[in-house]
PDB file of all heavy atoms in Angstrom:
ATOM      1  N   GLN A   1     126.420 126.322  50.687  1.00  0.00           N
ATOM      2  CA  GLN A   1     125.735 127.044  49.652  1.00  0.00           C
ATOM      3  C   GLN A   1     124.268 127.240  50.069  1.00  0.00           C
ATOM      4  O   GLN A   1     123.623 126.268  50.405  1.00  0.00           O
ATOM      5  CB  GLN A   1     125.776 126.291  48.324  1.00  0.00           C
ATOM      6  CG  GLN A   1     127.173 125.981  47.835  1.00  0.00           C
ATOM      7  CD  GLN A   1     127.908 127.211  47.311  1.00  0.00           C
ATOM      8  OE1 GLN A   1     127.344 128.217  46.989  1.00  0.00           O
ATOM      9  NE2 GLN A   1     129.221 127.104  47.301  1.00  0.00           N
ATOM     10  N   TYR A   2     123.772 128.488  50.024  1.00  0.00           N
ATOM     11  CA  TYR A   2     122.404 128.756  50.405  1.00  0.00           C
ATOM     12  C   TYR A   2     121.607 129.236  49.187  1.00  0.00           C
ATOM     13  O   TYR A   2     122.102 130.059  48.402  1.00  0.00           O
ATOM     14  CB  TYR A   2     122.344 129.803  51.497  1.00  0.00           C
ATOM     15  CG  TYR A   2     122.937 129.315  52.785  1.00  0.00           C
ATOM     16  CD1 TYR A   2     124.180 129.737  53.179  1.00  0.00           C
ATOM     17  CD2 TYR A   2     122.266 128.405  53.592  1.00  0.00           C
ATOM     18  CE1 TYR A   2     124.778 129.272  54.335  1.00  0.00           C
ATOM     19  CE2 TYR A   2     122.849 127.909  54.767  1.00  0.00           C
ATOM     20  CZ  TYR A   2     124.098 128.366  55.119  1.00  0.00           C
ATOM     21  OH  TYR A   2     124.663 127.897  56.269  1.00  0.00           O
ATOM     22  N   ASP A   3     120.397 128.731  49.043  1.00  0.00           N
ATOM     23  CA  ASP A   3     119.509 129.124  47.963  1.00  0.00           C
ATOM     24  C   ASP A   3     118.644 130.284  48.435  1.00  0.00           C
ATOM     25  O   ASP A   3     117.967 130.173  49.481  1.00  0.00           O
ATOM     26  CB  ASP A   3     118.608 127.967  47.503  1.00  0.00           C
ATOM     27  CG  ASP A   3     119.422 126.837  46.899  1.00  0.00           C
ATOM     28  OD1 ASP A   3     120.340 127.144  46.090  1.00  0.00           O
ATOM     29  OD2 ASP A   3     119.145 125.656  47.197  1.00  0.00           O
ATOM     30  N   VAL A   4     118.651 131.381  47.662  1.00  0.00           N
ATOM     31  CA  VAL A   4     117.905 132.581  47.988  1.00  0.00           C
ATOM     32  C   VAL A   4     116.932 132.903  46.885  1.00  0.00           C
ATOM     33  O   VAL A   4     117.258 132.718  45.724  1.00  0.00           O
ATOM     34  CB  VAL A   4     118.889 133.784  48.184  1.00  0.00           C
ATOM     35  CG1 VAL A   4     118.136 135.071  48.397  1.00  0.00           C
ATOM     36  CG2 VAL A   4     119.845 133.484  49.355  1.00  0.00           C
ATOM     37  N   ARG A   5     115.775 133.405  47.268  1.00  0.00           N
ATOM     38  CA  ARG A   5     114.765 133.836  46.320  1.00  0.00           C
ATOM     39  C   ARG A   5     114.136 135.120  46.843  1.00  0.00           C
ATOM     40  O   ARG A   5     113.760 135.175  48.024  1.00  0.00           O
ATOM     41  CB  ARG A   5     113.710 132.758  46.126  1.00  0.00           C
ATOM     42  CG  ARG A   5     112.629 133.213  45.163  1.00  0.00           C
ATOM     43  CD  ARG A   5     111.623 132.084  44.977  1.00  0.00           C
ATOM     44  NE  ARG A   5     110.549 132.603  44.159  1.00  0.00           N
ATOM     45  CZ  ARG A   5     109.317 132.147  44.155  1.00  0.00           C
ATOM     46  NH1 ARG A   5     109.017 131.128  44.919  1.00  0.00           N
ATOM     47  NH2 ARG A   5     108.400 132.686  43.411  1.00  0.00           N
ATOM     48  N   VAL A   6     114.018 136.111  46.015  1.00  0.00           N
ATOM     49  CA  VAL A   6     113.341 137.381  46.365  1.00  0.00           C
ATOM     50  C   VAL A   6     112.442 137.800  45.219  1.00  0.00           C
ATOM     51  O   VAL A   6     112.704 137.495  44.057  1.00  0.00           O
ATOM     52  CB  VAL A   6     114.351 138.501  46.717  1.00  0.00           C
ATOM     53  CG1 VAL A   6     115.129 138.167  47.956  1.00  0.00           C
ATOM     54  CG2 VAL A   6     115.297 138.790  45.560  1.00  0.00           C
ATOM     55  N   ASP A   7     111.389 138.531  45.546  1.00  0.00           N
ATOM     56  CA  ASP A   7     110.503 139.093  44.539  1.00  0.00           C
ATOM     57  C   ASP A   7     110.646 140.595  44.580  1.00  0.00           C
ATOM     58  O   ASP A   7     110.211 141.234  45.583  1.00  0.00           O
ATOM     59  CB  ASP A   7     109.058 138.670  44.800  1.00  0.00           C
ATOM     60  CG  ASP A   7     108.105 139.103  43.697  1.00  0.00           C
ATOM     61  OD1 ASP A   7     108.456 140.018  42.933  1.00  0.00           O
ATOM     62  OD2 ASP A   7     107.023 138.554  43.617  1.00  0.00           O
ATOM     63  N   LEU A   8     111.212 141.177  43.560  1.00  0.00           N
ATOM     64  CA  LEU A   8     111.504 142.609  43.559  1.00  0.00           C
ATOM     65  C   LEU A   8     110.244 143.464  43.477  1.00  0.00           C
ATOM     66  O   LEU A   8     110.308 144.672  43.757  1.00  0.00           O
ATOM     67  CB  LEU A   8     112.436 142.953  42.392  1.00  0.00           C
ATOM     68  CG  LEU A   8     113.775 142.191  42.350  1.00  0.00           C
ATOM     69  CD1 LEU A   8     114.579 142.616  41.144  1.00  0.00           C
ATOM     70  CD2 LEU A   8     114.515 142.433  43.660  1.00  0.00           C
ATOM     71  N   ALA A   9     109.104 142.876  43.130  1.00  0.00           N
ATOM     72  CA  ALA A   9     107.863 143.660  42.990  1.00  0.00           C
ATOM     73  C   ALA A   9     106.979 143.586  44.232  1.00  0.00           C
ATOM     74  O   ALA A   9     105.958 144.230  44.279  1.00  0.00           O
ATOM     75  CB  ALA A   9     107.088 143.172  41.779  1.00  0.00           C
ATOM     76  N   THR A  10     107.393 142.828  45.213  1.00  0.00           N
ATOM     77  CA  THR A  10     106.568 142.637  46.405  1.00  0.00           C
ATOM     78  C   THR A  10     107.114 143.491  47.551  1.00  0.00           C
ATOM     79  O   THR A  10     108.332 143.582  47.752  1.00  0.00           O
ATOM     80  CB  THR A  10     106.625 141.147  46.872  1.00  0.00           C
ATOM     81  OG1 THR A  10     106.149 140.361  45.757  1.00  0.00           O
ATOM     82  CG2 THR A  10     105.738 140.897  48.052  1.00  0.00           C
ATOM     83  N   ASP A  11     106.234 144.136  48.290  1.00  0.00           N
ATOM     84  CA  ASP A  11     106.665 144.867  49.486  1.00  0.00           C
ATOM     85  C   ASP A  11     107.413 143.920  50.392  1.00  0.00           C
ATOM     86  O   ASP A  11     106.959 142.835  50.688  1.00  0.00           O
ATOM     87  CB  ASP A  11     105.469 145.450  50.259  1.00  0.00           C
ATOM     88  CG  ASP A  11     104.869 146.680  49.552  1.00  0.00           C
ATOM     89  OD1 ASP A  11     105.561 147.270  48.697  1.00  0.00           O
ATOM     90  OD2 ASP A  11     103.725 147.030  49.856  1.00  0.00           O
ATOM     91  N   GLY A  12     108.611 144.354  50.813  1.00  0.00           N
ATOM     92  CA  GLY A  12     109.413 143.508  51.697  1.00  0.00           C
ATOM     93  C   GLY A  12     110.138 142.411  50.931  1.00  0.00           C
ATOM     94  O   GLY A  12     110.839 141.619  51.562  1.00  0.00           O
ATOM     95  N   PHE A  13     109.934 142.305  49.645  1.00  0.00           N
ATOM     96  CA  PHE A  13     110.633 141.383  48.750  1.00  0.00           C
ATOM     97  C   PHE A  13     110.255 139.921  48.964  1.00  0.00           C
ATOM     98  O   PHE A  13     110.778 139.056  48.222  1.00  0.00           O
ATOM     99  CB  PHE A  13     112.160 141.523  48.897  1.00  0.00           C
ATOM    100  CG  PHE A  13     112.637 142.909  48.582  1.00  0.00           C
ATOM    101  CD1 PHE A  13     113.145 143.712  49.602  1.00  0.00           C
ATOM    102  CD2 PHE A  13     112.610 143.424  47.312  1.00  0.00           C
ATOM    103  CE1 PHE A  13     113.589 144.975  49.363  1.00  0.00           C
ATOM    104  CE2 PHE A  13     113.062 144.706  47.017  1.00  0.00           C
ATOM    105  CZ  PHE A  13     113.542 145.494  48.067  1.00  0.00           C
ATOM    106  N   ALA A  14     109.400 139.545  49.876  1.00  0.00           N
ATOM    107  CA  ALA A  14     108.992 138.155  50.122  1.00  0.00           C
ATOM    108  C   ALA A  14     110.226 137.235  50.078  1.00  0.00           C
ATOM    109  O   ALA A  14     110.272 136.253  49.331  1.00  0.00           O
ATOM    110  CB  ALA A  14     107.950 137.699  49.104  1.00  0.00           C
ATOM    111  N   PRO A  15     111.264 137.516  50.886  1.00  0.00           N
ATOM    112  CA  PRO A  15     112.498 136.764  50.790  1.00  0.00           C
ATOM    113  C   PRO A  15     112.380 135.320  51.308  1.00  0.00           C
ATOM    114  O   PRO A  15     111.661 135.053  52.244  1.00  0.00           O
ATOM    115  CB  PRO A  15     113.458 137.568  51.667  1.00  0.00           C
ATOM    116  CG  PRO A  15     112.582 138.213  52.696  1.00  0.00           C
ATOM    117  CD  PRO A  15     111.318 138.505  51.967  1.00  0.00           C
ATOM    118  N   ARG A  16     113.136 134.439  50.667  1.00  0.00           N
ATOM    119  CA  ARG A  16     113.268 133.052  51.142  1.00  0.00           C
ATOM    120  C   ARG A  16     114.743 132.671  51.045  1.00  0.00           C
ATOM    121  O   ARG A  16     115.404 132.923  50.033  1.00  0.00           O
ATOM    122  CB  ARG A  16     112.457 132.113  50.261  1.00  0.00           C
ATOM    123  CG  ARG A  16     110.985 132.160  50.543  1.00  0.00           C
ATOM    124  CD  ARG A  16     110.300 130.974  49.937  1.00  0.00           C
ATOM    125  NE  ARG A  16     109.206 131.444  49.107  1.00  0.00           N
ATOM    126  CZ  ARG A  16     108.642 130.750  48.177  1.00  0.00           C
ATOM    127  NH1 ARG A  16     109.043 129.537  47.922  1.00  0.00           N
ATOM    128  NH2 ARG A  16     107.673 131.261  47.468  1.00  0.00           N
ATOM    129  N   CYS A  17     115.212 132.034  52.119  1.00  0.00           N
ATOM    130  CA  CYS A  17     116.573 131.527  52.128  1.00  0.00           C
ATOM    131  C   CYS A  17     116.549 130.219  52.926  1.00  0.00           C
ATOM    132  O   CYS A  17     115.803 130.134  53.929  1.00  0.00           O
ATOM    133  CB  CYS A  17     117.527 132.513  52.778  1.00  0.00           C
ATOM    134  SG  CYS A  17     119.244 131.952  52.830  1.00  0.00           S
ATOM    135  N   ASP A  18     117.324 129.253  52.514  1.00  0.00           N
ATOM    136  CA  ASP A  18     117.302 127.977  53.239  1.00  0.00           C
ATOM    137  C   ASP A  18     118.324 127.918  54.366  1.00  0.00           C
ATOM    138  O   ASP A  18     118.642 126.833  54.865  1.00  0.00           O
ATOM    139  CB  ASP A  18     117.423 126.803  52.276  1.00  0.00           C
ATOM    140  CG  ASP A  18     118.713 126.755  51.510  1.00  0.00           C
ATOM    141  OD1 ASP A  18     119.517 127.721  51.601  1.00  0.00           O
ATOM    142  OD2 ASP A  18     118.940 125.771  50.779  1.00  0.00           O
ATOM    143  N   CYS A  19     118.850 129.080  54.798  1.00  0.00           N
ATOM    144  CA  CYS A  19     119.777 129.099  55.942  1.00  0.00           C
ATOM    145  C   CYS A  19     118.977 129.006  57.262  1.00  0.00           C
ATOM    146  O   CYS A  19     117.776 129.203  57.266  1.00  0.00           O
ATOM    147  CB  CYS A  19     120.618 130.369  55.923  1.00  0.00           C
ATOM    148  SG  CYS A  19     119.781 131.860  56.490  1.00  0.00           S
ATOM    149  N   PRO A  20     119.656 128.718  58.342  1.00  0.00           N
ATOM    150  CA  PRO A  20     118.928 128.555  59.634  1.00  0.00           C
ATOM    151  C   PRO A  20     118.655 129.851  60.384  1.00  0.00           C
ATOM    152  O   PRO A  20     118.163 129.816  61.497  1.00  0.00           O
ATOM    153  CB  PRO A  20     119.905 127.687  60.453  1.00  0.00           C
ATOM    154  CG  PRO A  20     121.237 128.005  59.903  1.00  0.00           C
ATOM    155  CD  PRO A  20     121.036 128.273  58.438  1.00  0.00           C
ATOM    156  N   TYR A  21     118.884 131.018  59.759  1.00  0.00           N
ATOM    157  CA  TYR A  21     118.662 132.293  60.462  1.00  0.00           C
ATOM    158  C   TYR A  21     117.244 132.433  60.944  1.00  0.00           C
ATOM    159  O   TYR A  21     116.297 132.165  60.210  1.00  0.00           O
ATOM    160  CB  TYR A  21     118.988 133.443  59.490  1.00  0.00           C
ATOM    161  CG  TYR A  21     118.741 134.833  60.049  1.00  0.00           C
ATOM    162  CD1 TYR A  21     119.611 135.365  60.987  1.00  0.00           C
ATOM    163  CD2 TYR A  21     117.659 135.603  59.669  1.00  0.00           C
ATOM    164  CE1 TYR A  21     119.429 136.637  61.499  1.00  0.00           C
ATOM    165  CE2 TYR A  21     117.454 136.850  60.162  1.00  0.00           C
ATOM    166  CZ  TYR A  21     118.347 137.376  61.080  1.00  0.00           C
ATOM    167  OH  TYR A  21     118.148 138.625  61.610  1.00  0.00           O
ATOM    168  N   ASP A  22     117.092 132.810  62.224  1.00  0.00           N
ATOM    169  CA  ASP A  22     115.744 132.985  62.777  1.00  0.00           C
ATOM    170  C   ASP A  22     115.623 134.306  63.531  1.00  0.00           C
ATOM    171  O   ASP A  22     114.778 134.439  64.398  1.00  0.00           O
ATOM    172  CB  ASP A  22     115.367 131.804  63.681  1.00  0.00           C
ATOM    173  CG  ASP A  22     116.208 131.717  64.942  1.00  0.00           C
ATOM    174  OD1 ASP A  22     117.220 132.457  65.028  1.00  0.00           O
ATOM    175  OD2 ASP A  22     115.893 130.899  65.811  1.00  0.00           O
ATOM    176  N   GLY A  23     116.420 135.283  63.147  1.00  0.00           N
ATOM    177  CA  GLY A  23     116.350 136.609  63.771  1.00  0.00           C
ATOM    178  C   GLY A  23     115.320 137.488  63.095  1.00  0.00           C
ATOM    179  O   GLY A  23     114.507 137.049  62.292  1.00  0.00           O
ATOM    180  N   LEU A  24     115.375 138.755  63.466  1.00  0.00           N
ATOM    181  CA  LEU A  24     114.445 139.744  62.881  1.00  0.00           C
ATOM    182  C   LEU A  24     114.799 140.055  61.445  1.00  0.00           C
ATOM    183  O   LEU A  24     115.944 140.248  61.106  1.00  0.00           O
ATOM    184  CB  LEU A  24     114.469 141.028  63.695  1.00  0.00           C
ATOM    185  CG  LEU A  24     114.001 140.937  65.120  1.00  0.00           C
ATOM    186  CD1 LEU A  24     114.227 142.251  65.866  1.00  0.00           C
ATOM    187  CD2 LEU A  24     112.541 140.532  65.181  1.00  0.00           C
ATOM    188  N   GLY A  25     113.795 140.097  60.597  1.00  0.00           N
ATOM    189  CA  GLY A  25     113.992 140.497  59.193  1.00  0.00           C
ATOM    190  C   GLY A  25     114.719 139.458  58.381  1.00  0.00           C
ATOM    191  O   GLY A  25     114.830 138.297  58.729  1.00  0.00           O
ATOM    192  N   ALA A  26     115.252 139.958  57.280  1.00  0.00           N
ATOM    193  CA  ALA A  26     115.938 139.087  56.307  1.00  0.00           C
ATOM    194  C   ALA A  26     117.328 138.717  56.802  1.00  0.00           C
ATOM    195  O   ALA A  26     117.943 139.449  57.587  1.00  0.00           O
ATOM    196  CB  ALA A  26     116.012 139.785  54.957  1.00  0.00           C
ATOM    197  N   CYS A  27     117.859 137.615  56.287  1.00  0.00           N
ATOM    198  CA  CYS A  27     119.215 137.155  56.618  1.00  0.00           C
ATOM    199  C   CYS A  27     120.237 137.852  55.735  1.00  0.00           C
ATOM    200  O   CYS A  27     119.941 138.523  54.733  1.00  0.00           O
ATOM    201  CB  CYS A  27     119.296 135.652  56.460  1.00  0.00           C
ATOM    202  SG  CYS A  27     119.218 135.100  54.749  1.00  0.00           S
ATOM    203  N   LYS A  28     121.515 137.653  56.078  1.00  0.00           N
ATOM    204  CA  LYS A  28     122.609 138.277  55.323  1.00  0.00           C
ATOM    205  C   LYS A  28     122.702 137.769  53.895  1.00  0.00           C
ATOM    206  O   LYS A  28     123.135 138.514  53.020  1.00  0.00           O
ATOM    207  CB  LYS A  28     123.953 138.059  56.073  1.00  0.00           C
ATOM    208  CG  LYS A  28     124.336 136.591  56.182  1.00  0.00           C
ATOM    209  CD  LYS A  28     125.540 136.431  57.097  1.00  0.00           C
ATOM    210  CE  LYS A  28     125.788 134.965  57.380  1.00  0.00           C
ATOM    211  NZ  LYS A  28     126.809 134.806  58.441  1.00  0.00           N
ATOM    212  N   HIS A  29     122.255 136.569  53.632  1.00  0.00           N
ATOM    213  CA  HIS A  29     122.300 136.003  52.309  1.00  0.00           C
ATOM    214  C   HIS A  29     121.315 136.750  51.390  1.00  0.00           C
ATOM    215  O   HIS A  29     121.629 137.130  50.274  1.00  0.00           O
ATOM    216  CB  HIS A  29     122.002 134.512  52.311  1.00  0.00           C
ATOM    217  CG  HIS A  29     122.810 133.772  53.310  1.00  0.00           C
ATOM    218  ND1 HIS A  29     122.305 133.301  54.479  1.00  0.00           N
ATOM    219  CD2 HIS A  29     124.140 133.445  53.332  1.00  0.00           C
ATOM    220  CE1 HIS A  29     123.255 132.716  55.171  1.00  0.00           C
ATOM    221  NE2 HIS A  29     124.379 132.802  54.504  1.00  0.00           N
ATOM    222  N   VAL A  30     120.089 136.974  51.919  1.00  0.00           N
ATOM    223  CA  VAL A  30     119.089 137.753  51.195  1.00  0.00           C
ATOM    224  C   VAL A  30     119.578 139.180  50.975  1.00  0.00           C
ATOM    225  O   VAL A  30     119.443 139.740  49.872  1.00  0.00           O
ATOM    226  CB  VAL A  30     117.731 137.733  51.957  1.00  0.00           C
ATOM    227  CG1 VAL A  30     116.795 138.765  51.405  1.00  0.00           C
ATOM    228  CG2 VAL A  30     117.096 136.346  51.903  1.00  0.00           C
ATOM    229  N   VAL A  31     120.144 139.782  52.016  1.00  0.00           N
ATOM    230  CA  VAL A  31     120.629 141.161  51.902  1.00  0.00           C
ATOM    231  C   VAL A  31     121.709 141.270  50.829  1.00  0.00           C
ATOM    232  O   VAL A  31     121.707 142.179  50.016  1.00  0.00           O
ATOM    233  CB  VAL A  31     121.126 141.655  53.269  1.00  0.00           C
ATOM    234  CG1 VAL A  31     121.866 142.992  53.122  1.00  0.00           C
ATOM    235  CG2 VAL A  31     119.978 141.789  54.240  1.00  0.00           C
ATOM    236  N   ALA A  32     122.622 140.297  50.778  1.00  0.00           N
ATOM    237  CA  ALA A  32     123.666 140.317  49.760  1.00  0.00           C
ATOM    238  C   ALA A  32     123.103 140.270  48.346  1.00  0.00           C
ATOM    239  O   ALA A  32     123.516 141.018  47.458  1.00  0.00           O
ATOM    240  CB  ALA A  32     124.640 139.152  49.997  1.00  0.00           C
ATOM    241  N   VAL A  33     122.067 139.426  48.159  1.00  0.00           N
ATOM    242  CA  VAL A  33     121.432 139.330  46.847  1.00  0.00           C
ATOM    243  C   VAL A  33     120.726 140.619  46.485  1.00  0.00           C
ATOM    244  O   VAL A  33     120.824 141.163  45.396  1.00  0.00           O
ATOM    245  CB  VAL A  33     120.442 138.131  46.786  1.00  0.00           C
ATOM    246  CG1 VAL A  33     119.605 138.144  45.534  1.00  0.00           C
ATOM    247  CG2 VAL A  33     121.201 136.819  46.900  1.00  0.00           C
ATOM    248  N   LEU A  34     119.982 141.204  47.481  1.00  0.00           N
ATOM    249  CA  LEU A  34     119.309 142.469  47.198  1.00  0.00           C
ATOM    250  C   LEU A  34     120.276 143.589  46.893  1.00  0.00           C
ATOM    251  O   LEU A  34     120.022 144.407  45.987  1.00  0.00           O
ATOM    252  CB  LEU A  34     118.398 142.838  48.375  1.00  0.00           C
ATOM    253  CG  LEU A  34     117.164 141.947  48.566  1.00  0.00           C
ATOM    254  CD1 LEU A  34     116.458 142.261  49.884  1.00  0.00           C
ATOM    255  CD2 LEU A  34     116.192 142.107  47.370  1.00  0.00           C
ATOM    256  N   LEU A  35     121.385 143.656  47.616  1.00  0.00           N
ATOM    257  CA  LEU A  35     122.374 144.664  47.367  1.00  0.00           C
ATOM    258  C   LEU A  35     123.011 144.485  45.990  1.00  0.00           C
ATOM    259  O   LEU A  35     123.334 145.468  45.309  1.00  0.00           O
ATOM    260  CB  LEU A  35     123.444 144.689  48.455  1.00  0.00           C
ATOM    261  CG  LEU A  35     122.960 145.223  49.796  1.00  0.00           C
ATOM    262  CD1 LEU A  35     124.054 145.035  50.843  1.00  0.00           C
ATOM    263  CD2 LEU A  35     122.554 146.699  49.706  1.00  0.00           C
ATOM    264  N   ARG A  36     123.157 143.271  45.537  1.00  0.00           N
ATOM    265  CA  ARG A  36     123.628 142.993  44.197  1.00  0.00           C
ATOM    266  C   ARG A  36     122.637 143.568  43.170  1.00  0.00           C
ATOM    267  O   ARG A  36     123.021 144.125  42.159  1.00  0.00           O
ATOM    268  CB  ARG A  36     123.817 141.493  43.974  1.00  0.00           C
ATOM    269  CG  ARG A  36     124.028 141.054  42.560  1.00  0.00           C
ATOM    270  CD  ARG A  36     125.358 141.403  41.980  1.00  0.00           C
ATOM    271  NE  ARG A  36     125.399 141.141  40.565  1.00  0.00           N
ATOM    272  CZ  ARG A  36     125.688 139.960  40.040  1.00  0.00           C
ATOM    273  NH1 ARG A  36     125.961 138.937  40.793  1.00  0.00           N
ATOM    274  NH2 ARG A  36     125.631 139.826  38.711  1.00  0.00           N
ATOM    275  N   CYS A  37     121.349 143.469  43.477  1.00  0.00           N
ATOM    276  CA  CYS A  37     120.318 144.025  42.583  1.00  0.00           C
ATOM    277  C   CYS A  37     120.345 145.530  42.550  1.00  0.00           C
ATOM    278  O   CYS A  37     119.933 146.135  41.555  1.00  0.00           O
ATOM    279  CB  CYS A  37     118.954 143.515  42.979  1.00  0.00           C
ATOM    280  SG  CYS A  37     118.706 141.721  42.721  1.00  0.00           S
ATOM    281  N   VAL A  38     120.814 146.148  43.626  1.00  0.00           N
ATOM    282  CA  VAL A  38     120.982 147.619  43.646  1.00  0.00           C
ATOM    283  C   VAL A  38     122.132 148.004  42.736  1.00  0.00           C
ATOM    284  O   VAL A  38     121.994 148.882  41.882  1.00  0.00           O
ATOM    285  CB  VAL A  38     121.267 148.124  45.095  1.00  0.00           C
ATOM    286  CG1 VAL A  38     121.677 149.602  45.063  1.00  0.00           C
ATOM    287  CG2 VAL A  38     120.052 147.914  45.983  1.00  0.00           C
ATOM    288  N   ASP A  39     123.268 147.326  42.883  1.00  0.00           N
ATOM    289  CA  ASP A  39     124.505 147.695  42.175  1.00  0.00           C
ATOM    290  C   ASP A  39     124.527 147.219  40.738  1.00  0.00           C
ATOM    291  O   ASP A  39     125.045 147.868  39.852  1.00  0.00           O
ATOM    292  CB  ASP A  39     125.709 147.109  42.910  1.00  0.00           C
ATOM    293  CG  ASP A  39     125.935 147.755  44.268  1.00  0.00           C
ATOM    294  OD1 ASP A  39     125.437 148.876  44.492  1.00  0.00           O
ATOM    295  OD2 ASP A  39     126.580 147.131  45.110  1.00  0.00           O
TER     296      ASP A  39
END
């Protein structure tokens, strides 16, 4: 289980996730939460 936090009013959403992802941009957990906010 990963804890995700995003701020919808901030440019780039200021995402936080406690997963070990260290690639470019946001992780898949953050993306899933943001896409849920779209739908």
